[in-house]
Amino acid sequence: MPYQTTITRKGQITIPKEIREILKLRTGRKLEIEFEKRKKEIRIKSAPDILDLAGSFKPKRKIVNPVTIREMMGKMQKPR
């Protein structure tokens, strides 16, 4: 579905609310703009964000309880 927007005096445009909601675009989010000179066409897409990767990687090793790690570190310390 095509949308129309207006360019302001400062060269800014407003992305319609429906598109912002679908793409989960929030204030301060970075966008990428691609320009094809021959076609006189631009494409706007959400820039990758490290937070978008949260939960997408599985650890190779078993997850260890932080308390267990602290106890192990205590055992490895040299006596003073």
Protein backbone atom coordinates (compact mmCIF):
# COMPACT_ATOMS: atom_id res chain seq x y z
CA MET A 1 0.00 0.00 0.00
CA PRO A 2 1.55 3.34 -0.98
CA TYR A 3 1.72 6.18 1.53
CA GLN A 4 2.21 9.89 0.92
CA THR A 5 4.21 12.25 3.08
CA THR A 6 5.45 15.83 2.71
CA ILE A 7 9.03 17.11 2.84
CA THR A 8 9.43 19.99 5.32
CA ARG A 9 11.60 23.09 4.81
CA LYS A 10 14.34 21.29 6.73
CA GLY A 11 14.19 18.30 4.35
CA GLN A 12 12.48 16.04 6.88
CA ILE A 13 9.68 13.58 6.27
CA THR A 14 7.25 11.84 8.60
CA ILE A 15 7.03 8.06 8.46
CA PRO A 16 3.36 7.08 8.80
CA LYS A 17 2.37 5.64 12.17
CA GLU A 18 1.26 2.28 10.73
CA ILE A 19 4.71 1.74 9.19
CA ARG A 20 6.51 2.83 12.39
CA GLU A 21 4.46 0.35 14.40
CA ILE A 22 5.05 -2.55 12.00
CA LEU A 23 8.81 -1.87 11.90
CA LYS A 24 8.93 -1.10 15.65
CA LEU A 25 10.56 2.27 14.98
CA ARG A 26 10.91 4.39 18.09
CA THR A 27 12.32 7.86 18.71
CA GLY A 28 16.09 7.82 18.29
CA ARG A 29 16.17 4.63 16.22
CA LYS A 30 18.68 4.70 13.35
CA LEU A 31 17.55 4.13 9.76
CA GLU A 32 19.43 3.27 6.58
CA ILE A 33 18.62 5.10 3.37
CA GLU A 34 19.60 3.57 0.03
CA PHE A 35 19.50 5.65 -3.12
CA GLU A 36 19.37 4.38 -6.70
CA LYS A 37 20.38 7.24 -8.93
CA ARG A 38 19.28 5.64 -12.21
CA LYS A 39 15.80 4.81 -10.93
CA LYS A 40 15.56 8.02 -8.87
CA GLU A 41 14.36 5.87 -6.01
CA ILE A 42 15.12 5.70 -2.30
CA ARG A 43 14.61 2.85 0.14
CA ILE A 44 14.41 3.37 3.87
CA LYS A 45 14.92 0.49 6.28
CA SER A 46 15.62 0.02 9.94
CA ALA A 47 19.34 -0.10 10.70
CA PRO A 48 20.56 -3.18 12.55
CA ASP A 49 20.57 -2.79 16.32
CA ILE A 50 22.54 -5.05 18.65
CA LEU A 51 19.50 -5.31 20.93
CA ASP A 52 17.55 -6.93 18.09
CA LEU A 53 19.89 -9.92 18.39
CA ALA A 54 19.00 -10.57 22.04
CA GLY A 55 17.96 -14.18 22.49
CA SER A 56 18.89 -15.23 18.95
CA PHE A 57 22.15 -16.95 19.92
CA LYS A 58 22.38 -20.13 21.93
CA PRO A 59 25.41 -20.58 24.19
CA LYS A 60 27.70 -23.48 23.26
CA ARG A 61 28.33 -24.32 26.88
CA LYS A 62 26.05 -25.05 29.77
CA ILE A 63 24.98 -21.88 31.58
CA VAL A 64 26.58 -21.74 35.03
CA ASN A 65 24.97 -20.14 38.03
CA PRO A 66 26.75 -16.83 38.96
CA VAL A 67 27.05 -17.99 42.60
CA THR A 68 28.90 -21.11 41.43
CA ILE A 69 31.27 -18.97 39.36
CA ARG A 70 32.00 -16.74 42.36
CA GLU A 71 32.76 -19.80 44.52
CA MET A 72 35.09 -21.17 41.84
CA MET A 73 36.92 -17.83 41.63
CA GLY A 74 37.30 -17.80 45.42
CA LYS A 75 38.93 -21.23 45.35
CA MET A 76 41.37 -20.11 42.63
CA GLN A 77 42.57 -17.04 44.57
CA LYS A 78 45.98 -17.34 46.16
CA PRO A 79 46.02 -17.06 49.96
CA ARG A 80 47.46 -13.75 51.20
